[in-house]
Amino acid sequence: AFLYCVADGTEKEIVARTDGLSPLRGGDKVS
């Protein structure tokens, strides 16, 4: 799965790969 994230305090889109069937959803906070 690919997570399309926005870094805090920016409008920069960042893509991160994770294992399939990820429990993460839109709105979740990650580091």
PDB file of all heavy atoms in Angstrom:
ATOM      1  N   ALA A   1       0.857  -1.188   0.000  1.00  0.00           N
ATOM      2  CA  ALA A   1       0.000   0.000   0.000  1.00  0.00           C
ATOM      3  C   ALA A   1       0.888   1.232   0.000  1.00  0.00           C
ATOM      4  O   ALA A   1       2.014   1.207   0.521  1.00  0.00           O
ATOM      5  CB  ALA A   1      -0.925   0.007   1.217  1.00  0.00           C
ATOM      6  N   PHE A   2       0.391   2.314  -0.605  1.00  0.00           N
ATOM      7  CA  PHE A   2       1.116   3.581  -0.609  1.00  0.00           C
ATOM      8  C   PHE A   2       0.301   4.618   0.162  1.00  0.00           C
ATOM      9  O   PHE A   2      -0.900   4.800  -0.098  1.00  0.00           O
ATOM     10  CB  PHE A   2       1.379   4.059  -2.033  1.00  0.00           C
ATOM     11  CG  PHE A   2       2.394   3.212  -2.762  1.00  0.00           C
ATOM     12  CD1 PHE A   2       2.000   2.224  -3.648  1.00  0.00           C
ATOM     13  CD2 PHE A   2       3.752   3.388  -2.532  1.00  0.00           C
ATOM     14  CE1 PHE A   2       2.923   1.423  -4.302  1.00  0.00           C
ATOM     15  CE2 PHE A   2       4.689   2.605  -3.177  1.00  0.00           C
ATOM     16  CZ  PHE A   2       4.282   1.618  -4.062  1.00  0.00           C
ATOM     17  N   LEU A   3       0.967   5.246   1.106  1.00  0.00           N
ATOM     18  CA  LEU A   3       0.335   6.288   1.901  1.00  0.00           C
ATOM     19  C   LEU A   3       0.689   7.642   1.305  1.00  0.00           C
ATOM     20  O   LEU A   3       1.873   7.974   1.164  1.00  0.00           O
ATOM     21  CB  LEU A   3       0.830   6.233   3.347  1.00  0.00           C
ATOM     22  CG  LEU A   3       0.786   4.878   4.067  1.00  0.00           C
ATOM     23  CD1 LEU A   3       1.314   5.031   5.484  1.00  0.00           C
ATOM     24  CD2 LEU A   3      -0.626   4.312   4.056  1.00  0.00           C
ATOM     25  N   TYR A   4      -0.312   8.407   0.948  1.00  0.00           N
ATOM     26  CA  TYR A   4      -0.105   9.765   0.442  1.00  0.00           C
ATOM     27  C   TYR A   4      -0.356  10.708   1.625  1.00  0.00           C
ATOM     28  O   TYR A   4      -1.477  10.831   2.114  1.00  0.00           O
ATOM     29  CB  TYR A   4      -1.044  10.060  -0.725  1.00  0.00           C
ATOM     30  CG  TYR A   4      -0.679   9.276  -1.969  1.00  0.00           C
ATOM     31  CD1 TYR A   4      -1.033   7.934  -2.099  1.00  0.00           C
ATOM     32  CD2 TYR A   4       0.056   9.862  -2.992  1.00  0.00           C
ATOM     33  CE1 TYR A   4      -0.676   7.200  -3.230  1.00  0.00           C
ATOM     34  CE2 TYR A   4       0.414   9.136  -4.128  1.00  0.00           C
ATOM     35  CZ  TYR A   4       0.043   7.808  -4.232  1.00  0.00           C
ATOM     36  OH  TYR A   4       0.413   7.075  -5.349  1.00  0.00           O
ATOM     37  N   CYS A   5       0.723  11.330   2.091  1.00  0.00           N
ATOM     38  CA  CYS A   5       0.684  12.113   3.320  1.00  0.00           C
ATOM     39  C   CYS A   5       1.028  13.573   3.043  1.00  0.00           C
ATOM     40  O   CYS A   5       1.608  13.898   2.003  1.00  0.00           O
ATOM     41  CB  CYS A   5       1.673  11.553   4.335  1.00  0.00           C
ATOM     42  SG  CYS A   5       1.586   9.772   4.594  1.00  0.00           S
ATOM     43  N   VAL A   6       0.701  14.427   4.000  1.00  0.00           N
ATOM     44  CA  VAL A   6       1.128  15.825   3.965  1.00  0.00           C
ATOM     45  C   VAL A   6       1.880  16.100   5.257  1.00  0.00           C
ATOM     46  O   VAL A   6       1.360  15.852   6.355  1.00  0.00           O
ATOM     47  CB  VAL A   6      -0.065  16.779   3.815  1.00  0.00           C
ATOM     48  CG1 VAL A   6       0.395  18.231   3.936  1.00  0.00           C
ATOM     49  CG2 VAL A   6      -0.759  16.569   2.478  1.00  0.00           C
ATOM     50  N   ALA A   7       3.121  16.593   5.117  1.00  0.00           N
ATOM     51  CA  ALA A   7       3.937  16.889   6.298  1.00  0.00           C
ATOM     52  C   ALA A   7       3.312  18.035   7.086  1.00  0.00           C
ATOM     53  O   ALA A   7       2.791  19.002   6.511  1.00  0.00           O
ATOM     54  CB  ALA A   7       5.352  17.245   5.880  1.00  0.00           C
ATOM     55  N   ASP A   8       3.342  17.922   8.391  1.00  0.00           N
ATOM     56  CA  ASP A   8       2.750  18.951   9.248  1.00  0.00           C
ATOM     57  C   ASP A   8       3.380  20.310   8.971  1.00  0.00           C
ATOM     58  O   ASP A   8       4.607  20.433   8.840  1.00  0.00           O
ATOM     59  CB  ASP A   8       2.972  18.582  10.718  1.00  0.00           C
ATOM     60  CG  ASP A   8       2.141  17.376  11.153  1.00  0.00           C
ATOM     61  OD1 ASP A   8       1.365  16.863  10.316  1.00  0.00           O
ATOM     62  OD2 ASP A   8       2.280  16.945  12.318  1.00  0.00           O
ATOM     63  N   GLY A   9       2.529  21.323   8.840  1.00  0.00           N
ATOM     64  CA  GLY A   9       3.000  22.682   8.609  1.00  0.00           C
ATOM     65  C   GLY A   9       3.378  22.981   7.177  1.00  0.00           C
ATOM     66  O   GLY A   9       3.904  24.054   6.894  1.00  0.00           O
ATOM     67  N   THR A  10       3.137  22.036   6.254  1.00  0.00           N
ATOM     68  CA  THR A  10       3.463  22.241   4.836  1.00  0.00           C
ATOM     69  C   THR A  10       2.282  21.784   3.981  1.00  0.00           C
ATOM     70  O   THR A  10       1.291  21.247   4.476  1.00  0.00           O
ATOM     71  CB  THR A  10       4.701  21.424   4.410  1.00  0.00           C
ATOM     72  OG1 THR A  10       4.328  20.043   4.265  1.00  0.00           O
ATOM     73  CG2 THR A  10       5.814  21.524   5.427  1.00  0.00           C
ATOM     74  N   GLU A  11       2.406  22.012   2.678  1.00  0.00           N
ATOM     75  CA  GLU A  11       1.440  21.477   1.727  1.00  0.00           C
ATOM     76  C   GLU A  11       2.096  20.422   0.835  1.00  0.00           C
ATOM     77  O   GLU A  11       1.556  20.020  -0.184  1.00  0.00           O
ATOM     78  CB  GLU A  11       0.875  22.608   0.852  1.00  0.00           C
ATOM     79  CG  GLU A  11       0.088  23.652   1.644  1.00  0.00           C
ATOM     80  CD  GLU A  11      -0.489  24.747   0.761  1.00  0.00           C
ATOM     81  OE1 GLU A  11      -0.209  24.731  -0.466  1.00  0.00           O
ATOM     82  OE2 GLU A  11      -1.219  25.610   1.284  1.00  0.00           O
ATOM     83  N   LYS A  12       3.285  19.961   1.244  1.00  0.00           N
ATOM     84  CA  LYS A  12       4.066  19.025   0.453  1.00  0.00           C
ATOM     85  C   LYS A  12       3.523  17.612   0.588  1.00  0.00           C
ATOM     86  O   LYS A  12       3.416  17.071   1.682  1.00  0.00           O
ATOM     87  CB  LYS A  12       5.523  19.062   0.917  1.00  0.00           C
ATOM     88  CG  LYS A  12       6.453  18.056   0.257  1.00  0.00           C
ATOM     89  CD  LYS A  12       6.768  18.421  -1.162  1.00  0.00           C
ATOM     90  CE  LYS A  12       7.821  17.503  -1.762  1.00  0.00           C
ATOM     91  NZ  LYS A  12       8.082  17.798  -3.175  1.00  0.00           N
ATOM     92  N   GLU A  13       3.177  16.991  -0.570  1.00  0.00           N
ATOM     93  CA  GLU A  13       2.715  15.605  -0.555  1.00  0.00           C
ATOM     94  C   GLU A  13       3.917  14.669  -0.483  1.00  0.00           C
ATOM     95  O   GLU A  13       4.891  14.835  -1.207  1.00  0.00           O
ATOM     96  CB  GLU A  13       1.894  15.291  -1.798  1.00  0.00           C
ATOM     97  CG  GLU A  13       1.346  13.860  -1.817  1.00  0.00           C
ATOM     98  CD  GLU A  13       0.544  13.541  -3.062  1.00  0.00           C
ATOM     99  OE1 GLU A  13       1.158  13.253  -4.104  1.00  0.00           O
ATOM    100  OE2 GLU A  13      -0.694  13.585  -2.989  1.00  0.00           O
ATOM    101  N   ILE A  14       3.841  13.696   0.370  1.00  0.00           N
ATOM    102  CA  ILE A  14       4.910  12.715   0.554  1.00  0.00           C
ATOM    103  C   ILE A  14       4.292  11.329   0.438  1.00  0.00           C
ATOM    104  O   ILE A  14       3.226  11.060   1.013  1.00  0.00           O
ATOM    105  CB  ILE A  14       5.591  12.894   1.922  1.00  0.00           C
ATOM    106  CG1 ILE A  14       6.210  14.295   2.011  1.00  0.00           C
ATOM    107  CG2 ILE A  14       6.649  11.822   2.141  1.00  0.00           C
ATOM    108  CD1 ILE A  14       6.706  14.646   3.373  1.00  0.00           C
ATOM    109  N   VAL A  15       4.951  10.456  -0.303  1.00  0.00           N
ATOM    110  CA  VAL A  15       4.448   9.100  -0.513  1.00  0.00           C
ATOM    111  C   VAL A  15       5.339   8.124   0.249  1.00  0.00           C
ATOM    112  O   VAL A  15       6.571   8.191   0.151  1.00  0.00           O
ATOM    113  CB  VAL A  15       4.427   8.724  -2.011  1.00  0.00           C
ATOM    114  CG1 VAL A  15       3.812   7.336  -2.205  1.00  0.00           C
ATOM    115  CG2 VAL A  15       3.655   9.765  -2.810  1.00  0.00           C
ATOM    116  N   ALA A  16       4.711   7.222   0.993  1.00  0.00           N
ATOM    117  CA  ALA A  16       5.448   6.202   1.738  1.00  0.00           C
ATOM    118  C   ALA A  16       4.821   4.842   1.476  1.00  0.00           C
ATOM    119  O   ALA A  16       3.597   4.715   1.429  1.00  0.00           O
ATOM    120  CB  ALA A  16       5.439   6.507   3.235  1.00  0.00           C
ATOM    121  N   ARG A  17       5.658   3.843   1.293  1.00  0.00           N
ATOM    122  CA  ARG A  17       5.172   2.483   1.061  1.00  0.00           C
ATOM    123  C   ARG A  17       5.061   1.733   2.384  1.00  0.00           C
ATOM    124  O   ARG A  17       5.893   1.883   3.272  1.00  0.00           O
ATOM    125  CB  ARG A  17       6.135   1.731   0.138  1.00  0.00           C
ATOM    126  CG  ARG A  17       5.723   0.301  -0.158  1.00  0.00           C
ATOM    127  CD  ARG A  17       6.866  -0.511  -0.715  1.00  0.00           C
ATOM    128  NE  ARG A  17       6.502  -1.916  -0.886  1.00  0.00           N
ATOM    129  CZ  ARG A  17       6.519  -2.811   0.093  1.00  0.00           C
ATOM    130  NH1 ARG A  17       6.885  -2.444   1.314  1.00  0.00           N
ATOM    131  NH2 ARG A  17       6.171  -4.067  -0.126  1.00  0.00           N
ATOM    132  N   THR A  18       4.031   0.903   2.500  1.00  0.00           N
ATOM    133  CA  THR A  18       3.877   0.034   3.651  1.00  0.00           C
ATOM    134  C   THR A  18       3.337  -1.306   3.184  1.00  0.00           C
ATOM    135  O   THR A  18       3.060  -1.497   1.993  1.00  0.00           O
ATOM    136  CB  THR A  18       2.944   0.664   4.713  1.00  0.00           C
ATOM    137  OG1 THR A  18       2.940  -0.141   5.886  1.00  0.00           O
ATOM    138  CG2 THR A  18       1.516   0.798   4.181  1.00  0.00           C
ATOM    139  N   ASP A  19       3.210  -2.249   4.106  1.00  0.00           N
ATOM    140  CA  ASP A  19       2.679  -3.562   3.736  1.00  0.00           C
ATOM    141  C   ASP A  19       1.232  -3.456   3.292  1.00  0.00           C
ATOM    142  O   ASP A  19       0.505  -2.528   3.682  1.00  0.00           O
ATOM    143  CB  ASP A  19       2.781  -4.524   4.920  1.00  0.00           C
ATOM    144  CG  ASP A  19       4.227  -4.860   5.267  1.00  0.00           C
ATOM    145  OD1 ASP A  19       5.077  -4.749   4.364  1.00  0.00           O
ATOM    146  OD2 ASP A  19       4.497  -5.219   6.426  1.00  0.00           O
ATOM    147  N   GLY A  20       0.808  -4.438   2.487  1.00  0.00           N
ATOM    148  CA  GLY A  20      -0.566  -4.447   2.004  1.00  0.00           C
ATOM    149  C   GLY A  20      -1.581  -4.617   3.120  1.00  0.00           C
ATOM    150  O   GLY A  20      -1.246  -5.048   4.231  1.00  0.00           O
ATOM    151  N   LEU A  21      -2.826  -4.253   2.805  1.00  0.00           N
ATOM    152  CA  LEU A  21      -3.940  -4.334   3.761  1.00  0.00           C
ATOM    153  C   LEU A  21      -3.629  -3.528   5.025  1.00  0.00           C
ATOM    154  O   LEU A  21      -3.823  -3.973   6.158  1.00  0.00           O
ATOM    155  CB  LEU A  21      -4.240  -5.797   4.118  1.00  0.00           C
ATOM    156  CG  LEU A  21      -4.473  -6.732   2.915  1.00  0.00           C
ATOM    157  CD1 LEU A  21      -4.738  -8.153   3.372  1.00  0.00           C
ATOM    158  CD2 LEU A  21      -5.593  -6.228   2.035  1.00  0.00           C
ATOM    159  N   SER A  22      -3.113  -2.329   4.800  1.00  0.00           N
ATOM    160  CA  SER A  22      -2.707  -1.455   5.897  1.00  0.00           C
ATOM    161  C   SER A  22      -3.919  -1.009   6.717  1.00  0.00           C
ATOM    162  O   SER A  22      -4.979  -0.684   6.160  1.00  0.00           O
ATOM    163  CB  SER A  22      -1.986  -0.226   5.330  1.00  0.00           C
ATOM    164  OG  SER A  22      -1.773   0.735   6.350  1.00  0.00           O
ATOM    165  N   PRO A  23      -3.778  -0.949   8.048  1.00  0.00           N
ATOM    166  CA  PRO A  23      -4.883  -0.458   8.881  1.00  0.00           C
ATOM    167  C   PRO A  23      -5.015   1.060   8.857  1.00  0.00           C
ATOM    168  O   PRO A  23      -6.001   1.613   9.337  1.00  0.00           O
ATOM    169  CB  PRO A  23      -4.493  -0.947  10.288  1.00  0.00           C
ATOM    170  CG  PRO A  23      -3.001  -1.016  10.260  1.00  0.00           C
ATOM    171  CD  PRO A  23      -2.641  -1.426   8.867  1.00  0.00           C
ATOM    172  N   LEU A  24      -4.010   1.751   8.302  1.00  0.00           N
ATOM    173  CA  LEU A  24      -4.034   3.214   8.281  1.00  0.00           C
ATOM    174  C   LEU A  24      -5.099   3.738   7.322  1.00  0.00           C
ATOM    175  O   LEU A  24      -5.373   3.141   6.281  1.00  0.00           O
ATOM    176  CB  LEU A  24      -2.669   3.754   7.891  1.00  0.00           C
ATOM    177  CG  LEU A  24      -1.549   3.499   8.916  1.00  0.00           C
ATOM    178  CD1 LEU A  24      -0.191   3.809   8.313  1.00  0.00           C
ATOM    179  CD2 LEU A  24      -1.788   4.339  10.175  1.00  0.00           C
ATOM    180  N   ARG A  25      -5.681   4.864   7.686  1.00  0.00           N
ATOM    181  CA  ARG A  25      -6.725   5.493   6.880  1.00  0.00           C
ATOM    182  C   ARG A  25      -6.487   6.997   6.803  1.00  0.00           C
ATOM    183  O   ARG A  25      -5.687   7.554   7.554  1.00  0.00           O
ATOM    184  CB  ARG A  25      -8.117   5.223   7.496  1.00  0.00           C
ATOM    185  CG  ARG A  25      -8.525   3.748   7.473  1.00  0.00           C
ATOM    186  CD  ARG A  25      -8.780   3.280   6.039  1.00  0.00           C
ATOM    187  NE  ARG A  25      -9.161   1.869   5.978  1.00  0.00           N
ATOM    188  CZ  ARG A  25      -8.335   0.870   5.794  1.00  0.00           C
ATOM    189  NH1 ARG A  25      -7.036   1.120   5.660  1.00  0.00           N
ATOM    190  NH2 ARG A  25      -8.757  -0.380   5.744  1.00  0.00           N
ATOM    191  N   GLY A  26      -7.201   7.665   5.891  1.00  0.00           N
ATOM    192  CA  GLY A  26      -7.106   9.104   5.772  1.00  0.00           C
ATOM    193  C   GLY A  26      -7.398   9.791   7.091  1.00  0.00           C
ATOM    194  O   GLY A  26      -8.354   9.428   7.792  1.00  0.00           O
ATOM    195  N   GLY A  27      -6.554  10.786   7.455  1.00  0.00           N
ATOM    196  CA  GLY A  27      -6.714  11.503   8.711  1.00  0.00           C
ATOM    197  C   GLY A  27      -5.814  10.997   9.825  1.00  0.00           C
ATOM    198  O   GLY A  27      -5.617  11.688  10.824  1.00  0.00           O
ATOM    199  N   ASP A  28      -5.248   9.790   9.669  1.00  0.00           N
ATOM    200  CA  ASP A  28      -4.358   9.248  10.688  1.00  0.00           C
ATOM    201  C   ASP A  28      -3.047  10.033  10.735  1.00  0.00           C
ATOM    202  O   ASP A  28      -2.546  10.506   9.706  1.00  0.00           O
ATOM    203  CB  ASP A  28      -4.046   7.774  10.410  1.00  0.00           C
ATOM    204  CG  ASP A  28      -5.228   6.864  10.676  1.00  0.00           C
ATOM    205  OD1 ASP A  28      -6.236   7.348  11.248  1.00  0.00           O
ATOM    206  OD2 ASP A  28      -5.166   5.674  10.319  1.00  0.00           O
ATOM    207  N   LYS A  29      -2.479  10.133  11.932  1.00  0.00           N
ATOM    208  CA  LYS A  29      -1.192  10.797  12.130  1.00  0.00           C
ATOM    209  C   LYS A  29      -0.085   9.746  12.118  1.00  0.00           C
ATOM    210  O   LYS A  29      -0.204   8.693  12.745  1.00  0.00           O
ATOM    211  CB  LYS A  29      -1.172  11.543  13.470  1.00  0.00           C
ATOM    212  CG  LYS A  29      -2.218  12.633  13.587  1.00  0.00           C
ATOM    213  CD  LYS A  29      -1.910  13.807  12.668  1.00  0.00           C
ATOM    214  CE  LYS A  29      -2.888  14.962  12.905  1.00  0.00           C
ATOM    215  NZ  LYS A  29      -2.589  16.117  12.034  1.00  0.00           N
ATOM    216  N   VAL A  30       0.997  10.039  11.397  1.00  0.00           N
ATOM    217  CA  VAL A  30       2.135   9.128  11.327  1.00  0.00           C
ATOM    218  C   VAL A  30       3.420   9.928  11.457  1.00  0.00           C
ATOM    219  O   VAL A  30       3.424  11.155  11.313  1.00  0.00           O
ATOM    220  CB  VAL A  30       2.150   8.325  10.009  1.00  0.00           C
ATOM    221  CG1 VAL A  30       0.958   7.381   9.912  1.00  0.00           C
ATOM    222  CG2 VAL A  30       2.216   9.261   8.798  1.00  0.00           C
ATOM    223  N   SER A  31       4.508   9.222  11.716  1.00  0.00           N
ATOM    224  CA  SER A  31       5.837   9.820  11.688  1.00  0.00           C
ATOM    225  C   SER A  31       6.687   9.006  10.721  1.00  0.00           C
ATOM    226  O   SER A  31       6.805   7.784  10.876  1.00  0.00           O
ATOM    227  CB  SER A  31       6.468   9.818  13.089  1.00  0.00           C
ATOM    228  OG  SER A  31       7.669  10.570  13.093  1.00  0.00           O
TER     229      SER A  31
END
